[in-house]
Amino acid sequence: MRRDEPGLVVLPARLAGVEGVRVTGDTRLWSGVSTRYGVTVVYAGAFDFWYRGRAWTQAQGVLKLKEPGEVHRDLRVHAPVTAQSMTLETPVVEEAARELGLRAPPRLPALFGGSGRAEALALHAALREPGSDALALQCLLSGMLAALLGANSSASAEAVPRARRAALRARDLLHASVVEGVSLEALAVASGLGRFHLLRTFRQELGLTPHAFLTHLRVARARELLARGVPAARAALEVGLYDQSQLHRHFVRIVGTSPGAYARAVRGTSTSPKKGAKRAPHPRR
């Protein structure tokens, strides 16, 4: 993260057309004209602001949305604000709207607490995480935009066989891209679907998002490496993860134990285990 001034941090650019800024304990009054779409979440504090001809109050947990060309002006800070904002270039949102079958992006409300909030919070968190890979960020961004723009997630019965085939094509590409990773755009091309349709279809057919599916594949491959005696730090890099701590976090969540404990258990197990030998834990399916 780049610190430009006390209390303000500019987040590293990890998504094309998306920028992020975080403020901590901020009491300044901000004003300006939006040149991009904006999605802000407040983690602590509250403030009043003027937008679209009236005053609003943003408090903890509620999304604040902005559209290009709109004027925003802070009026009063009730308590020091810790918040994070992301701005999206107009083409990013317009392209998403087209893929979702909309002529243009609908008008967004000033404050928002419905569908899309969870996706926005997850994307905000991932933008701060150094280990977040491109596919994870792309999936979170697409999920947030689909929710905020009011995507229709229903699928006709006639589309199910085609949807299944499309999801399996994307799955095969994920299997082939465990180490180097793959972009959401590449998965969409392989599946023959648009990005948003692919995200819905993949989850409906396989039960996970593409990024979650890839993470499971990486952990499965890490288990094989650990069983062969490869150190956890090296195994993390060889399966395409950021570092050992990221492997540890995913491993505990998916397998139920740490990589070190798993490796020790596996090394104490043979094809015909002796009485009293430890067995490797099995992930819950």
Protein backbone atom coordinates (compact mmCIF):
# COMPACT_ATOMS: atom_id res chain seq x y z
CA MET A 1 0.00 0.00 0.00
CA ARG A 2 1.18 3.52 -0.70
CA ARG A 3 0.68 6.06 2.09
CA ASP A 4 0.10 9.50 0.60
CA GLU A 5 -0.72 11.38 3.81
CA PRO A 6 -1.59 10.54 7.42
CA GLY A 7 -4.74 8.44 7.61
CA LEU A 8 -5.01 7.87 3.86
CA VAL A 9 -3.66 4.83 1.99
CA VAL A 10 -3.88 4.21 -1.75
CA LEU A 11 -4.34 0.50 -2.41
CA PRO A 12 -2.20 -1.26 -5.05
CA ALA A 13 -3.82 -1.47 -8.48
CA ARG A 14 -4.80 -5.11 -9.02
CA LEU A 15 -7.83 -4.81 -11.31
CA ALA A 16 -7.88 -2.93 -14.60
CA GLY A 17 -10.11 0.10 -14.31
CA VAL A 18 -10.47 -0.18 -10.51
CA GLU A 19 -8.72 1.93 -7.87
CA GLY A 20 -8.99 1.84 -4.09
CA VAL A 21 -8.35 4.23 -1.20
CA ARG A 22 -8.66 3.63 2.54
CA VAL A 23 -8.95 6.28 5.27
CA THR A 24 -8.57 5.65 8.98
CA GLY A 25 -9.91 7.88 11.74
CA ASP A 26 -10.69 10.59 9.19
CA THR A 27 -12.50 13.79 10.17
CA ARG A 28 -12.02 15.83 7.01
CA LEU A 29 -14.92 17.08 4.90
CA TRP A 30 -14.57 15.92 1.30
CA SER A 31 -16.27 17.31 -1.80
CA GLY A 32 -15.95 16.83 -5.52
CA VAL A 33 -17.46 15.72 -8.82
CA SER A 34 -17.39 11.99 -9.54
CA THR A 35 -15.69 11.02 -12.80
CA ARG A 36 -16.13 7.29 -12.11
CA TYR A 37 -18.52 4.94 -10.43
CA GLY A 38 -17.79 4.61 -6.72
CA VAL A 39 -18.50 2.03 -4.03
CA THR A 40 -17.61 3.02 -0.46
CA VAL A 41 -18.05 1.11 2.78
CA VAL A 42 -17.69 2.59 6.28
CA TYR A 43 -16.13 0.31 8.88
CA ALA A 44 -16.34 2.78 11.78
CA GLY A 45 -17.79 6.23 12.38
CA ALA A 46 -20.53 8.08 10.49
CA PHE A 47 -20.97 11.23 8.44
CA ASP A 48 -23.59 13.33 6.65
CA PHE A 49 -23.21 14.22 3.00
CA TRP A 50 -25.06 16.07 0.26
CA TYR A 51 -25.84 14.15 -2.92
CA ARG A 52 -28.58 14.51 -5.53
CA GLY A 53 -30.15 17.49 -3.88
CA ARG A 54 -30.52 16.21 -0.34
CA ALA A 55 -28.60 15.21 2.78
CA TRP A 56 -27.84 11.59 3.62
CA THR A 57 -26.15 9.84 6.54
CA GLN A 58 -23.74 6.98 5.99
CA ALA A 59 -22.99 4.74 8.92
CA GLN A 60 -21.17 1.48 9.47
CA GLY A 61 -21.83 -1.35 7.02
CA VAL A 62 -23.94 0.52 4.45
CA LEU A 63 -22.62 0.95 0.91
CA LYS A 64 -22.39 4.43 -0.56
CA LEU A 65 -22.68 4.41 -4.36
CA LYS A 66 -21.69 7.20 -6.74
CA GLU A 67 -22.17 7.66 -10.47
CA PRO A 68 -20.09 9.68 -12.95
CA GLY A 69 -21.06 13.33 -13.16
CA GLU A 70 -22.63 13.48 -9.69
CA VAL A 71 -21.52 16.00 -7.04
CA HIS A 72 -20.72 14.79 -3.53
CA ARG A 73 -20.14 17.12 -0.57
CA ASP A 74 -19.56 16.13 3.06
CA LEU A 75 -21.60 18.12 5.56
CA ARG A 76 -20.70 16.78 8.99
CA VAL A 77 -18.63 14.02 10.59
CA HIS A 78 -20.41 12.45 13.57
CA ALA A 79 -17.42 10.31 14.58
CA PRO A 80 -13.97 9.68 13.01
CA VAL A 81 -14.44 7.61 9.91
CA THR A 82 -12.61 4.48 8.83
CA ALA A 83 -13.74 3.67 5.32
CA GLN A 84 -12.60 2.22 2.03
CA SER A 85 -13.62 3.41 -1.42
CA MET A 86 -13.18 1.82 -4.80
CA THR A 87 -13.74 3.66 -8.06
CA LEU A 88 -14.56 1.94 -11.33
CA GLU A 89 -14.00 3.39 -14.78
CA THR A 90 -17.25 3.85 -16.70
CA PRO A 91 -16.43 1.22 -19.39
CA VAL A 92 -16.05 -1.45 -16.68
CA VAL A 93 -19.63 -0.90 -15.52
CA GLU A 94 -21.07 -0.37 -19.00
CA GLU A 95 -19.52 -3.60 -20.28
CA ALA A 96 -20.93 -5.47 -17.30
CA ALA A 97 -24.39 -4.06 -18.03
CA ARG A 98 -24.20 -5.20 -21.66
CA GLU A 99 -23.15 -8.71 -20.65
CA LEU A 100 -26.09 -8.82 -18.27
CA GLY A 101 -28.47 -7.93 -21.09
CA LEU A 102 -29.05 -4.31 -20.05
CA ARG A 103 -29.05 -1.40 -22.48
CA ALA A 104 -27.20 0.75 -19.96
CA PRO A 105 -26.34 0.66 -16.26
CA PRO A 106 -29.43 1.45 -14.16
CA ARG A 107 -29.38 4.45 -11.85
CA LEU A 108 -27.80 3.42 -8.57
CA PRO A 109 -29.15 4.52 -5.18
CA ALA A 110 -27.05 6.80 -2.99
CA LEU A 111 -27.03 4.32 -0.09
CA PHE A 112 -27.37 0.58 -0.50
CA GLY A 113 -27.77 -2.27 1.97
CA GLY A 114 -29.32 -5.03 -0.12
CA SER A 115 -28.05 -7.66 -2.55
CA GLY A 116 -24.52 -6.77 -3.55
CA ARG A 117 -23.40 -5.59 -0.13
CA ALA A 118 -21.73 -8.89 0.75
CA GLU A 119 -19.99 -9.04 -2.62
CA ALA A 120 -18.74 -5.46 -2.25
CA LEU A 121 -17.42 -6.10 1.25
CA ALA A 122 -15.60 -9.22 0.05
CA LEU A 123 -14.02 -7.32 -2.85
CA HIS A 124 -12.97 -4.47 -0.56
CA ALA A 125 -11.28 -6.99 1.74
CA ALA A 126 -9.55 -8.75 -1.16
CA LEU A 127 -8.18 -5.47 -2.50
CA ARG A 128 -6.29 -5.06 0.81
CA GLU A 129 -4.98 -8.64 0.78
CA PRO A 130 -1.52 -8.96 -0.86
CA GLY A 131 -2.15 -12.60 -1.73
CA SER A 132 -5.38 -12.04 -3.67
CA ASP A 133 -4.88 -13.38 -7.18
CA ALA A 134 -6.36 -12.04 -10.39
CA LEU A 135 -9.11 -14.65 -10.74
CA ALA A 136 -10.35 -14.07 -7.19
CA LEU A 137 -10.56 -10.32 -7.73
CA GLN A 138 -12.23 -10.69 -11.13
CA CYS A 139 -14.84 -13.07 -9.74
CA LEU A 140 -15.59 -10.78 -6.81
CA LEU A 141 -15.85 -7.74 -9.06
CA SER A 142 -18.20 -9.51 -11.46
CA GLY A 143 -20.32 -10.82 -8.59
CA MET A 144 -20.61 -7.36 -7.09
CA LEU A 145 -21.57 -5.75 -10.40
CA ALA A 146 -24.11 -8.47 -11.17
CA ALA A 147 -25.79 -7.88 -7.80
CA LEU A 148 -25.66 -4.08 -7.92
CA LEU A 149 -26.92 -3.90 -11.48
CA GLY A 150 -29.83 -6.24 -10.72
CA ALA A 151 -28.86 -9.29 -12.74
CA ASN A 152 -31.55 -11.89 -13.34
CA SER A 153 -30.07 -15.12 -12.06
CA SER A 154 -32.85 -17.41 -13.27
CA ALA A 155 -32.03 -20.05 -15.86
CA SER A 156 -34.44 -21.89 -18.09
CA ALA A 157 -34.75 -25.66 -17.95
CA GLU A 158 -33.78 -25.86 -21.65
CA ALA A 159 -30.46 -24.17 -20.89
CA VAL A 160 -29.32 -26.72 -18.30
CA PRO A 161 -27.56 -29.22 -20.62
CA ARG A 162 -25.70 -26.41 -22.38
CA ALA A 163 -24.90 -24.83 -19.03
CA ARG A 164 -23.46 -28.09 -17.76
CA ARG A 165 -21.20 -28.45 -20.79
CA ALA A 166 -20.05 -24.85 -20.44
CA ALA A 167 -19.23 -25.30 -16.74
CA LEU A 168 -17.25 -28.47 -17.48
CA ARG A 169 -15.20 -26.68 -20.14
CA ALA A 170 -14.32 -23.99 -17.62
CA ARG A 171 -13.54 -26.67 -15.02
CA ASP A 172 -11.15 -28.42 -17.41
CA LEU A 173 -9.29 -25.15 -17.98
CA LEU A 174 -8.99 -24.65 -14.22
CA HIS A 175 -7.48 -28.14 -13.90
CA ALA A 176 -4.96 -27.23 -16.59
CA SER A 177 -4.11 -23.88 -14.95
CA VAL A 178 -3.53 -24.74 -11.31
CA VAL A 179 -0.05 -23.29 -11.03
CA GLU A 180 -0.13 -20.30 -13.36
CA GLY A 181 -3.76 -19.39 -12.72
CA VAL A 182 -6.27 -18.20 -15.30
CA SER A 183 -8.33 -15.09 -15.88
CA LEU A 184 -12.09 -14.93 -15.71
CA GLU A 185 -12.10 -13.75 -19.32
CA ALA A 186 -10.19 -16.87 -20.42
CA LEU A 187 -12.65 -19.08 -18.54
CA ALA A 188 -15.55 -17.29 -20.21
CA VAL A 189 -14.02 -17.79 -23.66
CA ALA A 190 -13.39 -21.48 -22.98
CA SER A 191 -16.94 -22.00 -21.72
CA GLY A 192 -18.61 -20.05 -24.50
CA LEU A 193 -20.50 -17.91 -21.99
CA GLY A 194 -20.24 -14.31 -20.83
CA ARG A 195 -18.44 -13.70 -17.56
CA PHE A 196 -21.58 -13.15 -15.49
CA HIS A 197 -23.46 -16.08 -16.98
CA LEU A 198 -20.40 -18.26 -16.40
CA LEU A 199 -20.18 -17.30 -12.71
CA ARG A 200 -23.83 -18.20 -12.13
CA THR A 201 -23.64 -21.37 -14.21
CA PHE A 202 -20.40 -22.62 -12.69
CA ARG A 203 -21.73 -22.25 -9.15
CA GLN A 204 -25.07 -23.81 -10.02
CA GLU A 205 -23.45 -26.79 -11.74
CA LEU A 206 -20.36 -27.37 -9.58
CA GLY A 207 -21.30 -25.82 -6.26
CA LEU A 208 -18.37 -23.40 -6.03
CA THR A 209 -17.19 -20.24 -7.71
CA PRO A 210 -14.35 -20.73 -10.22
CA HIS A 211 -11.85 -19.20 -7.80
CA ALA A 212 -12.98 -21.41 -4.91
CA PHE A 213 -12.74 -24.42 -7.21
CA LEU A 214 -9.18 -23.43 -8.18
CA THR A 215 -8.26 -23.01 -4.52
CA HIS A 216 -9.47 -26.55 -3.79
CA LEU A 217 -7.38 -27.86 -6.69
CA ARG A 218 -4.33 -26.05 -5.35
CA VAL A 219 -4.80 -27.44 -1.85
CA ALA A 220 -5.25 -30.95 -3.27
CA ARG A 221 -1.98 -30.62 -5.17
CA ALA A 222 -0.27 -29.22 -2.08
CA ARG A 223 -1.35 -32.32 -0.15
CA GLU A 224 0.43 -34.48 -2.71
CA LEU A 225 3.60 -32.41 -2.43
CA LEU A 226 3.52 -32.41 1.37
CA ALA A 227 3.07 -36.18 1.34
CA ARG A 228 6.26 -36.44 -0.73
CA GLY A 229 8.16 -34.38 1.82
CA VAL A 230 8.15 -31.01 0.03
CA PRO A 231 8.34 -28.17 2.62
CA ALA A 232 5.17 -26.12 3.00
CA ALA A 233 6.80 -22.88 1.83
CA ARG A 234 7.95 -24.50 -1.40
CA ALA A 235 4.67 -26.35 -1.88
CA ALA A 236 2.76 -23.07 -1.67
CA LEU A 237 4.75 -21.58 -4.53
CA GLU A 238 4.62 -24.74 -6.62
CA VAL A 239 0.81 -24.78 -6.56
CA GLY A 240 0.50 -21.11 -7.48
CA LEU A 241 -0.24 -19.59 -4.07
CA TYR A 242 1.23 -16.33 -2.82
CA ASP A 243 3.15 -17.67 0.18
CA GLN A 244 3.14 -20.20 2.99
CA SER A 245 0.67 -18.21 5.11
CA GLN A 246 -1.88 -18.27 2.29
CA LEU A 247 -1.45 -22.04 1.94
CA HIS A 248 -1.89 -22.42 5.71
CA ARG A 249 -5.14 -20.43 5.70
CA HIS A 250 -6.70 -22.32 2.82
CA PHE A 251 -5.37 -25.68 4.04
CA VAL A 252 -6.88 -25.33 7.51
CA ARG A 253 -10.22 -24.25 6.05
CA ILE A 254 -10.43 -27.05 3.48
CA VAL A 255 -8.54 -29.95 5.04
CA GLY A 256 -9.21 -29.16 8.69
CA THR A 257 -5.61 -29.13 9.88
CA SER A 258 -2.40 -27.23 9.17
CA PRO A 259 0.00 -28.22 6.37
CA GLY A 260 2.64 -29.13 8.96
CA ALA A 261 0.30 -31.37 10.94
CA TYR A 262 -0.91 -32.97 7.74
CA ALA A 263 2.66 -33.64 6.54
CA ARG A 264 3.60 -35.20 9.87
CA ALA A 265 0.50 -37.39 9.79
CA VAL A 266 1.18 -38.53 6.24
CA ARG A 267 4.81 -39.34 6.99
CA GLY A 268 3.59 -41.57 9.83
CA THR A 269 1.31 -43.51 7.48
CA SER A 270 2.23 -46.34 5.13
CA THR A 271 0.24 -48.35 2.62
CA SER A 272 -0.36 -50.96 5.32
CA PRO A 273 -0.32 -48.90 8.49
CA LYS A 274 0.94 -50.44 11.67
CA LYS A 275 -1.24 -50.55 14.72
CA GLY A 276 -1.34 -47.16 16.36
CA ALA A 277 0.04 -45.30 13.34
CA LYS A 278 -1.43 -41.86 12.67
CA ARG A 279 -3.66 -41.40 9.65
CA ALA A 280 -3.88 -38.26 7.60
CA PRO A 281 -7.08 -36.30 8.20
CA HIS A 282 -9.64 -36.45 5.43
CA PRO A 283 -11.39 -33.30 4.26
CA ARG A 284 -15.12 -33.25 4.81
CA ARG A 285 -16.83 -33.50 1.45
